[in-house]
Amino acid sequence: MDVTDRKILMQLQQNAKQNTKEIASKIGLSVTPTYERIKKLEQQEIIKSYVALVDRNKIGKELIAYCQVTLSKQQKKLADNFKKEILLLPDIMECHQVSGNFDYLLKIAVNDISSFHSFINEKLSIIDGISTIHSSFVLDSVKDTSAFNL
């Protein structure tokens, strides 16, 4: 991946609805090579998909929580089951296995505190092998981006 590919990726991260002609003019390349580079980035799965960034407040997802989850034992079977169950829960937006004092960090988006309480009690805490769940709530988002610095 060279400097031109990075410029293309920056443009797409800023606005994926741009057409190839618009991107080409902004990066100083003609349309055909720009198109070919975008297709190559897609084939290499550097570009994984094109998505719409939705304003969570306008769809009622007003509460974002981060949960630190610790499993009761460090066993592959337990971890595999946990991962399988997490994938079935659409309110979990992100799940990362991490190092440190807990095993997984979850990002959860729900309507309100009551919805979060129900989610924890009826969905998350019933997963076999969870020892502890510590939750923190987002009060203010100082920076919230999905774009990588290239």
N, C-alpha and C. Protein backbone atom coordinates (compact mmCIF):
# COMPACT_ATOMS: atom_id res chain seq x y z
N MET A 1 0.85 -1.17 0.00
CA MET A 1 0.00 0.00 0.00
C MET A 1 0.90 1.24 0.00
N ASP A 2 0.65 2.10 -0.95
CA ASP A 2 1.48 3.30 -1.07
C ASP A 2 0.72 4.55 -0.63
N VAL A 3 1.35 5.70 -0.84
CA VAL A 3 0.78 6.98 -0.42
C VAL A 3 -0.57 7.24 -1.11
N THR A 4 -0.67 6.89 -2.37
CA THR A 4 -1.92 7.12 -3.12
C THR A 4 -3.05 6.27 -2.55
N ASP A 5 -2.75 5.01 -2.23
CA ASP A 5 -3.77 4.15 -1.61
C ASP A 5 -4.24 4.75 -0.28
N ARG A 6 -3.31 5.27 0.48
CA ARG A 6 -3.67 5.90 1.76
C ARG A 6 -4.56 7.12 1.55
N LYS A 7 -4.27 7.90 0.51
CA LYS A 7 -5.12 9.06 0.20
C LYS A 7 -6.53 8.61 -0.16
N ILE A 8 -6.63 7.55 -0.93
CA ILE A 8 -7.95 7.01 -1.30
C ILE A 8 -8.69 6.57 -0.05
N LEU A 9 -8.01 5.85 0.82
CA LEU A 9 -8.65 5.37 2.06
C LEU A 9 -9.09 6.53 2.94
N MET A 10 -8.28 7.57 3.03
CA MET A 10 -8.68 8.74 3.82
C MET A 10 -9.95 9.37 3.24
N GLN A 11 -10.01 9.49 1.93
CA GLN A 11 -11.19 10.06 1.29
C GLN A 11 -12.43 9.20 1.57
N LEU A 12 -12.29 7.90 1.44
CA LEU A 12 -13.44 7.01 1.67
C LEU A 12 -13.86 6.99 3.14
N GLN A 13 -12.90 7.12 4.05
CA GLN A 13 -13.26 7.17 5.47
C GLN A 13 -14.01 8.45 5.80
N GLN A 14 -13.71 9.53 5.09
CA GLN A 14 -14.41 10.80 5.32
C GLN A 14 -15.81 10.78 4.71
N ASN A 15 -15.94 10.17 3.54
CA ASN A 15 -17.24 10.13 2.86
C ASN A 15 -17.24 8.99 1.84
N ALA A 16 -17.81 7.87 2.21
CA ALA A 16 -17.83 6.70 1.34
C ALA A 16 -18.83 6.83 0.19
N LYS A 17 -19.66 7.88 0.21
CA LYS A 17 -20.62 8.10 -0.87
C LYS A 17 -20.00 8.83 -2.06
N GLN A 18 -18.78 9.29 -1.92
CA GLN A 18 -18.11 9.96 -3.03
C GLN A 18 -17.98 8.99 -4.20
N ASN A 19 -18.16 9.50 -5.40
CA ASN A 19 -17.91 8.63 -6.55
C ASN A 19 -16.43 8.67 -6.90
N THR A 20 -16.04 7.78 -7.76
CA THR A 20 -14.63 7.63 -8.13
C THR A 20 -14.08 8.92 -8.74
N LYS A 21 -14.88 9.61 -9.51
CA LYS A 21 -14.43 10.86 -10.14
C LYS A 21 -14.09 11.91 -9.08
N GLU A 22 -14.92 12.02 -8.05
CA GLU A 22 -14.66 12.99 -6.97
C GLU A 22 -13.37 12.64 -6.23
N ILE A 23 -13.21 11.36 -5.92
CA ILE A 23 -12.00 10.92 -5.21
C ILE A 23 -10.77 11.19 -6.07
N ALA A 24 -10.85 10.83 -7.34
CA ALA A 24 -9.72 11.02 -8.26
C ALA A 24 -9.28 12.48 -8.30
N SER A 25 -10.24 13.39 -8.37
CA SER A 25 -9.87 14.81 -8.45
C SER A 25 -9.22 15.30 -7.15
N LYS A 26 -9.64 14.75 -6.03
CA LYS A 26 -9.09 15.18 -4.74
C LYS A 26 -7.69 14.64 -4.48
N ILE A 27 -7.36 13.49 -5.08
CA ILE A 27 -6.04 12.90 -4.84
C ILE A 27 -5.07 13.13 -5.99
N GLY A 28 -5.56 13.78 -7.07
CA GLY A 28 -4.68 14.10 -8.19
C GLY A 28 -4.36 12.93 -9.09
N LEU A 29 -5.34 12.06 -9.29
CA LEU A 29 -5.16 10.89 -10.15
C LEU A 29 -6.34 10.84 -11.11
N SER A 30 -6.17 10.20 -12.25
CA SER A 30 -7.31 10.08 -13.17
C SER A 30 -8.28 9.01 -12.67
N VAL A 31 -9.46 8.97 -13.27
CA VAL A 31 -10.55 8.12 -12.79
C VAL A 31 -10.22 6.63 -12.87
N THR A 32 -9.71 6.17 -14.01
CA THR A 32 -9.49 4.73 -14.19
C THR A 32 -8.49 4.16 -13.18
N PRO A 33 -7.31 4.75 -12.99
CA PRO A 33 -6.40 4.21 -11.98
C PRO A 33 -6.98 4.28 -10.56
N THR A 34 -7.76 5.32 -10.29
CA THR A 34 -8.40 5.43 -8.98
C THR A 34 -9.38 4.28 -8.79
N TYR A 35 -10.20 4.02 -9.79
CA TYR A 35 -11.16 2.92 -9.75
C TYR A 35 -10.44 1.58 -9.53
N GLU A 36 -9.37 1.36 -10.28
CA GLU A 36 -8.62 0.10 -10.17
C GLU A 36 -8.00 -0.06 -8.79
N ARG A 37 -7.50 1.02 -8.23
CA ARG A 37 -6.92 0.96 -6.89
C ARG A 37 -8.00 0.65 -5.84
N ILE A 38 -9.16 1.26 -5.97
CA ILE A 38 -10.25 0.98 -5.03
C ILE A 38 -10.65 -0.48 -5.12
N LYS A 39 -10.79 -1.00 -6.33
CA LYS A 39 -11.15 -2.42 -6.51
C LYS A 39 -10.09 -3.33 -5.89
N LYS A 40 -8.82 -2.97 -6.06
CA LYS A 40 -7.73 -3.77 -5.49
C LYS A 40 -7.79 -3.73 -3.96
N LEU A 41 -8.06 -2.56 -3.38
CA LEU A 41 -8.19 -2.45 -1.92
C LEU A 41 -9.36 -3.27 -1.41
N GLU A 42 -10.43 -3.35 -2.20
CA GLU A 42 -11.58 -4.20 -1.83
C GLU A 42 -11.22 -5.68 -1.92
N GLN A 43 -10.54 -6.07 -3.00
CA GLN A 43 -10.15 -7.47 -3.19
C GLN A 43 -9.18 -7.94 -2.10
N GLN A 44 -8.31 -7.05 -1.67
CA GLN A 44 -7.36 -7.38 -0.61
C GLN A 44 -8.01 -7.31 0.77
N GLU A 45 -9.28 -6.94 0.81
CA GLU A 45 -10.06 -6.79 2.03
C GLU A 45 -9.47 -5.75 2.99
N ILE A 46 -8.75 -4.79 2.42
CA ILE A 46 -8.35 -3.62 3.20
C ILE A 46 -9.59 -2.77 3.43
N ILE A 47 -10.40 -2.63 2.37
CA ILE A 47 -11.74 -2.06 2.51
C ILE A 47 -12.67 -3.24 2.75
N LYS A 48 -13.22 -3.31 3.96
CA LYS A 48 -14.06 -4.44 4.34
C LYS A 48 -15.51 -4.26 3.92
N SER A 49 -16.02 -3.03 4.02
CA SER A 49 -17.40 -2.75 3.64
C SER A 49 -17.63 -1.25 3.62
N TYR A 50 -18.77 -0.87 3.11
CA TYR A 50 -19.20 0.53 3.12
C TYR A 50 -20.44 0.59 3.99
N VAL A 51 -20.43 1.49 4.98
CA VAL A 51 -21.54 1.54 5.94
C VAL A 51 -22.00 2.98 6.15
N ALA A 52 -23.21 3.10 6.68
CA ALA A 52 -23.73 4.41 7.08
C ALA A 52 -23.48 4.58 8.57
N LEU A 53 -22.96 5.72 8.97
CA LEU A 53 -22.78 6.03 10.39
C LEU A 53 -24.07 6.68 10.88
N VAL A 54 -24.73 6.00 11.80
CA VAL A 54 -26.05 6.41 12.27
C VAL A 54 -25.92 7.19 13.57
N ASP A 55 -26.67 8.28 13.70
CA ASP A 55 -26.72 9.04 14.94
C ASP A 55 -27.51 8.24 15.96
N ARG A 56 -26.83 7.69 16.93
CA ARG A 56 -27.47 6.77 17.88
C ARG A 56 -28.60 7.43 18.67
N ASN A 57 -28.46 8.69 18.98
CA ASN A 57 -29.51 9.39 19.73
C ASN A 57 -30.81 9.50 18.94
N LYS A 58 -30.70 9.62 17.63
CA LYS A 58 -31.89 9.76 16.79
C LYS A 58 -32.62 8.44 16.58
N ILE A 59 -31.98 7.33 16.96
CA ILE A 59 -32.66 6.03 16.87
C ILE A 59 -32.95 5.46 18.26
N GLY A 60 -32.77 6.29 19.26
CA GLY A 60 -33.14 5.89 20.62
C GLY A 60 -32.08 5.15 21.40
N LYS A 61 -30.88 5.01 20.88
CA LYS A 61 -29.80 4.34 21.61
C LYS A 61 -29.02 5.39 22.40
N GLU A 62 -29.63 5.84 23.48
CA GLU A 62 -29.09 6.98 24.22
C GLU A 62 -28.10 6.61 25.31
N LEU A 63 -27.97 5.33 25.59
CA LEU A 63 -27.03 4.90 26.63
C LEU A 63 -25.96 4.00 26.04
N ILE A 64 -24.71 4.41 26.20
CA ILE A 64 -23.56 3.59 25.83
C ILE A 64 -22.88 3.18 27.12
N ALA A 65 -22.64 1.88 27.24
CA ALA A 65 -21.95 1.35 28.42
C ALA A 65 -20.75 0.53 27.96
N TYR A 66 -19.71 0.58 28.76
CA TYR A 66 -18.56 -0.30 28.57
C TYR A 66 -18.55 -1.26 29.73
N CYS A 67 -18.50 -2.54 29.43
CA CYS A 67 -18.50 -3.55 30.48
C CYS A 67 -17.18 -4.31 30.45
N GLN A 68 -16.57 -4.41 31.61
CA GLN A 68 -15.36 -5.20 31.79
C GLN A 68 -15.81 -6.55 32.32
N VAL A 69 -15.56 -7.59 31.54
CA VAL A 69 -16.03 -8.93 31.89
C VAL A 69 -14.84 -9.82 32.21
N THR A 70 -14.96 -10.51 33.34
CA THR A 70 -13.95 -11.49 33.74
C THR A 70 -14.59 -12.86 33.74
N LEU A 71 -13.91 -13.82 33.13
CA LEU A 71 -14.40 -15.20 33.15
C LEU A 71 -13.91 -15.90 34.40
N SER A 72 -14.65 -16.90 34.84
CA SER A 72 -14.31 -17.60 36.08
C SER A 72 -13.04 -18.42 35.97
N LYS A 73 -12.75 -18.93 34.77
CA LYS A 73 -11.53 -19.72 34.54
C LYS A 73 -10.98 -19.39 33.17
N GLN A 74 -9.69 -19.55 33.04
CA GLN A 74 -9.04 -19.33 31.75
C GLN A 74 -9.00 -20.66 31.00
N GLN A 75 -10.15 -21.06 30.48
CA GLN A 75 -10.26 -22.30 29.73
C GLN A 75 -10.78 -22.00 28.34
N LYS A 76 -10.22 -22.70 27.35
CA LYS A 76 -10.62 -22.48 25.97
C LYS A 76 -12.11 -22.73 25.77
N LYS A 77 -12.64 -23.79 26.36
CA LYS A 77 -14.05 -24.12 26.21
C LYS A 77 -14.94 -22.99 26.73
N LEU A 78 -14.59 -22.44 27.87
CA LEU A 78 -15.35 -21.34 28.46
C LEU A 78 -15.27 -20.09 27.58
N ALA A 79 -14.07 -19.78 27.11
CA ALA A 79 -13.88 -18.61 26.26
C ALA A 79 -14.62 -18.76 24.93
N ASP A 80 -14.55 -19.95 24.34
CA ASP A 80 -15.25 -20.19 23.07
C ASP A 80 -16.76 -20.04 23.24
N ASN A 81 -17.30 -20.56 24.33
CA ASN A 81 -18.73 -20.44 24.59
C ASN A 81 -19.11 -18.97 24.80
N PHE A 82 -18.29 -18.24 25.55
CA PHE A 82 -18.55 -16.82 25.79
C PHE A 82 -18.61 -16.07 24.46
N LYS A 83 -17.62 -16.28 23.60
CA LYS A 83 -17.57 -15.60 22.31
C LYS A 83 -18.79 -15.94 21.46
N LYS A 84 -19.17 -17.20 21.46
CA LYS A 84 -20.34 -17.64 20.68
C LYS A 84 -21.60 -16.94 21.16
N GLU A 85 -21.77 -16.84 22.47
CA GLU A 85 -22.96 -16.20 23.04
C GLU A 85 -22.97 -14.69 22.78
N ILE A 86 -21.82 -14.07 22.86
CA ILE A 86 -21.71 -12.62 22.63
C ILE A 86 -22.14 -12.27 21.21
N LEU A 87 -21.77 -13.11 20.25
CA LEU A 87 -22.13 -12.86 18.86
C LEU A 87 -23.64 -12.86 18.63
N LEU A 88 -24.39 -13.46 19.53
CA LEU A 88 -25.85 -13.54 19.41
C LEU A 88 -26.57 -12.33 20.00
N LEU A 89 -25.83 -11.43 20.63
CA LEU A 89 -26.44 -10.29 21.32
C LEU A 89 -26.21 -8.99 20.53
N PRO A 90 -27.23 -8.54 19.79
CA PRO A 90 -27.04 -7.37 18.91
C PRO A 90 -26.81 -6.05 19.64
N ASP A 91 -27.15 -5.96 20.92
CA ASP A 91 -26.88 -4.72 21.65
C ASP A 91 -25.39 -4.53 21.93
N ILE A 92 -24.62 -5.60 21.82
CA ILE A 92 -23.16 -5.50 21.99
C ILE A 92 -22.58 -5.08 20.65
N MET A 93 -22.02 -3.90 20.62
CA MET A 93 -21.47 -3.35 19.39
C MET A 93 -20.03 -3.79 19.16
N GLU A 94 -19.30 -3.96 20.25
CA GLU A 94 -17.90 -4.37 20.17
C GLU A 94 -17.60 -5.32 21.31
N CYS A 95 -16.72 -6.27 21.04
CA CYS A 95 -16.22 -7.17 22.09
C CYS A 95 -14.75 -7.41 21.80
N HIS A 96 -13.91 -7.08 22.77
CA HIS A 96 -12.47 -7.21 22.60
C HIS A 96 -11.90 -8.03 23.75
N GLN A 97 -11.11 -9.05 23.41
CA GLN A 97 -10.36 -9.76 24.44
C GLN A 97 -9.14 -8.90 24.75
N VAL A 98 -8.90 -8.64 26.02
CA VAL A 98 -7.85 -7.70 26.41
C VAL A 98 -6.93 -8.31 27.46
N SER A 99 -5.79 -7.67 27.63
CA SER A 99 -4.89 -8.04 28.72
C SER A 99 -5.22 -7.18 29.93
N GLY A 100 -4.75 -7.58 31.08
CA GLY A 100 -4.96 -6.75 32.27
C GLY A 100 -5.83 -7.41 33.31
N ASN A 101 -6.58 -6.59 34.04
CA ASN A 101 -7.35 -7.06 35.19
C ASN A 101 -8.66 -7.74 34.83
N PHE A 102 -9.07 -7.71 33.59
CA PHE A 102 -10.29 -8.39 33.15
C PHE A 102 -10.02 -9.01 31.79
N ASP A 103 -10.95 -9.81 31.30
CA ASP A 103 -10.71 -10.59 30.08
C ASP A 103 -11.28 -9.97 28.81
N TYR A 104 -12.46 -9.36 28.91
CA TYR A 104 -13.13 -8.81 27.73
C TYR A 104 -13.67 -7.41 28.03
N LEU A 105 -13.62 -6.57 27.01
CA LEU A 105 -14.22 -5.24 27.09
C LEU A 105 -15.35 -5.19 26.06
N LEU A 106 -16.56 -4.89 26.54
CA LEU A 106 -17.73 -4.84 25.68
C LEU A 106 -18.23 -3.40 25.56
N LYS A 107 -18.65 -3.03 24.38
CA LYS A 107 -19.34 -1.76 24.17
C LYS A 107 -20.80 -2.09 23.88
N ILE A 108 -21.69 -1.55 24.69
CA ILE A 108 -23.11 -1.89 24.61
C ILE A 108 -23.91 -0.62 24.37
N ALA A 109 -24.84 -0.68 23.42
CA ALA A 109 -25.72 0.45 23.12
C ALA A 109 -27.17 0.04 23.36
N VAL A 110 -27.83 0.74 24.26
CA VAL A 110 -29.24 0.47 24.59
C VAL A 110 -30.00 1.78 24.72
N ASN A 111 -31.31 1.67 24.88
CA ASN A 111 -32.16 2.87 24.94
C ASN A 111 -31.97 3.69 26.20
N ASP A 112 -31.89 3.01 27.34
CA ASP A 112 -31.87 3.72 28.62
C ASP A 112 -31.35 2.80 29.72
N ILE A 113 -31.30 3.32 30.94
CA ILE A 113 -30.75 2.55 32.06
C ILE A 113 -31.61 1.32 32.36
N SER A 114 -32.90 1.42 32.18
CA SER A 114 -33.78 0.28 32.40
C SER A 114 -33.49 -0.83 31.39
N SER A 115 -33.27 -0.46 30.15
CA SER A 115 -32.91 -1.43 29.12
C SER A 115 -31.57 -2.08 29.43
N PHE A 116 -30.64 -1.28 29.93
CA PHE A 116 -29.33 -1.82 30.30
C PHE A 116 -29.47 -2.81 31.45
N HIS A 117 -30.25 -2.47 32.44
CA HIS A 117 -30.48 -3.35 33.58
C HIS A 117 -31.05 -4.69 33.11
N SER A 118 -32.03 -4.64 32.23
CA SER A 118 -32.62 -5.87 31.68
C SER A 118 -31.59 -6.66 30.88
N PHE A 119 -30.80 -5.95 30.08
CA PHE A 119 -29.77 -6.61 29.27
C PHE A 119 -28.79 -7.37 30.15
N ILE A 120 -28.31 -6.73 31.20
CA ILE A 120 -27.35 -7.37 32.10
C ILE A 120 -27.98 -8.57 32.78
N ASN A 121 -29.16 -8.40 33.34
CA ASN A 121 -29.79 -9.47 34.12
C ASN A 121 -30.33 -10.62 33.28
N GLU A 122 -30.84 -10.32 32.10
CA GLU A 122 -31.52 -11.34 31.31
C GLU A 122 -30.69 -11.93 30.17
N LYS A 123 -29.61 -11.25 29.81
CA LYS A 123 -28.83 -11.73 28.66
C LYS A 123 -27.36 -11.96 28.98
N LEU A 124 -26.69 -10.92 29.50
CA LEU A 124 -25.25 -11.04 29.68
C LEU A 124 -24.88 -11.91 30.87
N SER A 125 -25.45 -11.65 32.02
CA SER A 125 -25.02 -12.36 33.23
C SER A 125 -25.40 -13.84 33.25
N ILE A 126 -26.27 -14.27 32.34
CA ILE A 126 -26.65 -15.69 32.31
C ILE A 126 -25.69 -16.53 31.46
N ILE A 127 -24.72 -15.90 30.83
CA ILE A 127 -23.74 -16.66 30.04
C ILE A 127 -22.84 -17.43 30.99
N ASP A 128 -22.72 -18.73 30.75
CA ASP A 128 -21.89 -19.59 31.60
C ASP A 128 -20.44 -19.12 31.61
N GLY A 129 -19.86 -19.10 32.78
CA GLY A 129 -18.45 -18.81 32.92
C GLY A 129 -18.11 -17.38 33.27
N ILE A 130 -19.09 -16.49 33.30
CA ILE A 130 -18.80 -15.11 33.67
C ILE A 130 -18.68 -15.02 35.19
N SER A 131 -17.57 -14.48 35.63
CA SER A 131 -17.33 -14.31 37.06
C SER A 131 -17.76 -12.92 37.53
N THR A 132 -17.29 -11.88 36.82
CA THR A 132 -17.64 -10.51 37.21
C THR A 132 -17.92 -9.65 35.98
N ILE A 133 -18.78 -8.66 36.19
CA ILE A 133 -19.09 -7.65 35.17
C ILE A 133 -19.02 -6.29 35.86
N HIS A 134 -18.15 -5.42 35.37
CA HIS A 134 -18.06 -4.05 35.87
C HIS A 134 -18.46 -3.12 34.73
N SER A 135 -19.38 -2.21 35.00
CA SER A 135 -19.92 -1.34 33.96
C SER A 135 -19.58 0.12 34.20
N SER A 136 -19.34 0.83 33.10
CA SER A 136 -19.15 2.28 33.12
C SER A 136 -20.02 2.86 32.02
N PHE A 137 -20.60 4.04 32.28
CA PHE A 137 -21.50 4.66 31.32
C PHE A 137 -20.87 5.89 30.71
N VAL A 138 -21.08 6.08 29.42
CA VAL A 138 -20.56 7.25 28.73
C VAL A 138 -21.39 8.47 29.13
N LEU A 139 -20.73 9.48 29.66
CA LEU A 139 -21.39 10.73 30.02
C LEU A 139 -21.29 11.75 28.90
N ASP A 140 -20.13 11.76 28.22
CA ASP A 140 -19.89 12.69 27.13
C ASP A 140 -18.86 12.07 26.20
N SER A 141 -19.08 12.16 24.91
CA SER A 141 -18.12 11.65 23.93
C SER A 141 -17.28 12.81 23.41
N VAL A 142 -16.06 12.88 23.86
CA VAL A 142 -15.14 13.94 23.46
C VAL A 142 -14.67 13.71 22.03
N LYS A 143 -14.40 12.44 21.70
CA LYS A 143 -13.99 12.07 20.35
C LYS A 143 -14.59 10.71 20.06
N ASP A 144 -15.23 10.59 18.90
CA ASP A 144 -15.87 9.34 18.52
C ASP A 144 -15.73 9.20 17.01
N THR A 145 -14.76 8.42 16.58
CA THR A 145 -14.50 8.28 15.15
C THR A 145 -14.29 6.81 14.81
N SER A 146 -14.54 6.49 13.57
CA SER A 146 -14.24 5.15 13.09
C SER A 146 -13.10 5.19 12.07
N ALA A 147 -12.61 6.38 11.78
CA ALA A 147 -11.56 6.56 10.77
C ALA A 147 -10.18 6.35 11.38
N PHE A 148 -9.36 5.57 10.68
CA PHE A 148 -7.97 5.35 11.10
C PHE A 148 -7.08 6.46 10.56
N ASN A 149 -6.08 6.84 11.33
CA ASN A 149 -5.09 7.80 10.88
C ASN A 149 -4.14 7.08 9.93
N LEU A 150 -4.07 7.54 8.72
CA LEU A 150 -3.21 6.90 7.73
C LEU A 150 -2.05 7.81 7.38
